[in-house]
Amino acid sequence: MRLYDLPSKLLCRVLNVELKAETDTDEVYAQIMLMPEPEVISLL
């Protein structure tokens, strides 16, 4: 198991959303493409 030093929340921009369905099982799902936003450091 790989462990990554990532924060619990990442601010991302949604680039694309595709709604899909499996014809054999009628399972529906969304495939979402995300782009992480640059880290913002507050000086307050």
C-alpha atoms as a PDB file:
ATOM      1  CA  MET A   1       0.000   0.000   0.000  1.00  0.00           C
ATOM      2  CA  ARG A   2       1.403   3.388  -1.005  1.00  0.00           C
ATOM      3  CA  LEU A   3       0.914   6.349   1.273  1.00  0.00           C
ATOM      4  CA  TYR A   4       0.898   9.886  -0.058  1.00  0.00           C
ATOM      5  CA  ASP A   5       1.401  13.060   1.919  1.00  0.00           C
ATOM      6  CA  LEU A   6      -1.703  14.820   0.586  1.00  0.00           C
ATOM      7  CA  PRO A   7      -4.128  17.116   2.397  1.00  0.00           C
ATOM      8  CA  SER A   8      -7.577  15.705   3.153  1.00  0.00           C
ATOM      9  CA  LYS A   9      -9.174  18.293   0.833  1.00  0.00           C
ATOM     10  CA  LEU A  10      -7.925  19.440  -2.557  1.00  0.00           C
ATOM     11  CA  LEU A  11      -9.424  22.392  -4.432  1.00  0.00           C
ATOM     12  CA  CYS A  12     -10.088  21.265  -8.023  1.00  0.00           C
ATOM     13  CA  ARG A  13     -11.681  22.655 -11.160  1.00  0.00           C
ATOM     14  CA  VAL A  14     -14.154  20.415 -13.016  1.00  0.00           C
ATOM     15  CA  LEU A  15     -12.970  20.100 -16.626  1.00  0.00           C
ATOM     16  CA  ASN A  16     -15.469  17.595 -17.987  1.00  0.00           C
ATOM     17  CA  VAL A  17     -18.445  15.490 -16.882  1.00  0.00           C
ATOM     18  CA  GLU A  18     -19.659  12.478 -18.861  1.00  0.00           C
ATOM     19  CA  LEU A  19     -22.827  10.635 -17.831  1.00  0.00           C
ATOM     20  CA  LYS A  20     -22.583   6.965 -18.775  1.00  0.00           C
ATOM     21  CA  ALA A  21     -24.579   3.740 -18.515  1.00  0.00           C
ATOM     22  CA  GLU A  22     -23.666   0.064 -18.809  1.00  0.00           C
ATOM     23  CA  THR A  23     -26.021  -1.525 -21.324  1.00  0.00           C
ATOM     24  CA  ASP A  24     -25.744  -5.016 -19.811  1.00  0.00           C
ATOM     25  CA  THR A  25     -26.554  -4.039 -16.212  1.00  0.00           C
ATOM     26  CA  ASP A  26     -28.267  -0.610 -16.538  1.00  0.00           C
ATOM     27  CA  GLU A  27     -25.663   0.705 -14.082  1.00  0.00           C
ATOM     28  CA  VAL A  28     -25.337   4.495 -14.401  1.00  0.00           C
ATOM     29  CA  TYR A  29     -22.319   6.553 -13.395  1.00  0.00           C
ATOM     30  CA  ALA A  30     -20.509   9.817 -14.055  1.00  0.00           C
ATOM     31  CA  GLN A  31     -16.923  10.103 -15.235  1.00  0.00           C
ATOM     32  CA  ILE A  32     -15.532  13.412 -13.942  1.00  0.00           C
ATOM     33  CA  MET A  33     -12.234  14.965 -15.011  1.00  0.00           C
ATOM     34  CA  LEU A  34     -10.665  17.227 -12.359  1.00  0.00           C
ATOM     35  CA  MET A  35      -7.696  19.603 -12.469  1.00  0.00           C
ATOM     36  CA  PRO A  36      -6.116  20.492  -9.113  1.00  0.00           C
ATOM     37  CA  GLU A  37      -5.909  24.225  -8.461  1.00  0.00           C
ATOM     38  CA  PRO A  38      -2.513  25.680  -7.559  1.00  0.00           C
ATOM     39  CA  GLU A  39      -1.876  25.799  -3.835  1.00  0.00           C
ATOM     40  CA  VAL A  40      -2.833  29.155  -2.339  1.00  0.00           C
ATOM     41  CA  ILE A  41      -0.893  30.267   0.723  1.00  0.00           C
ATOM     42  CA  SER A  42      -2.664  32.829   2.883  1.00  0.00           C
ATOM     43  CA  LEU A  43      -0.527  35.558   4.417  1.00  0.00           C
ATOM     44  CA  LEU A  44      -3.119  36.525   7.056  1.00  0.00           C
END
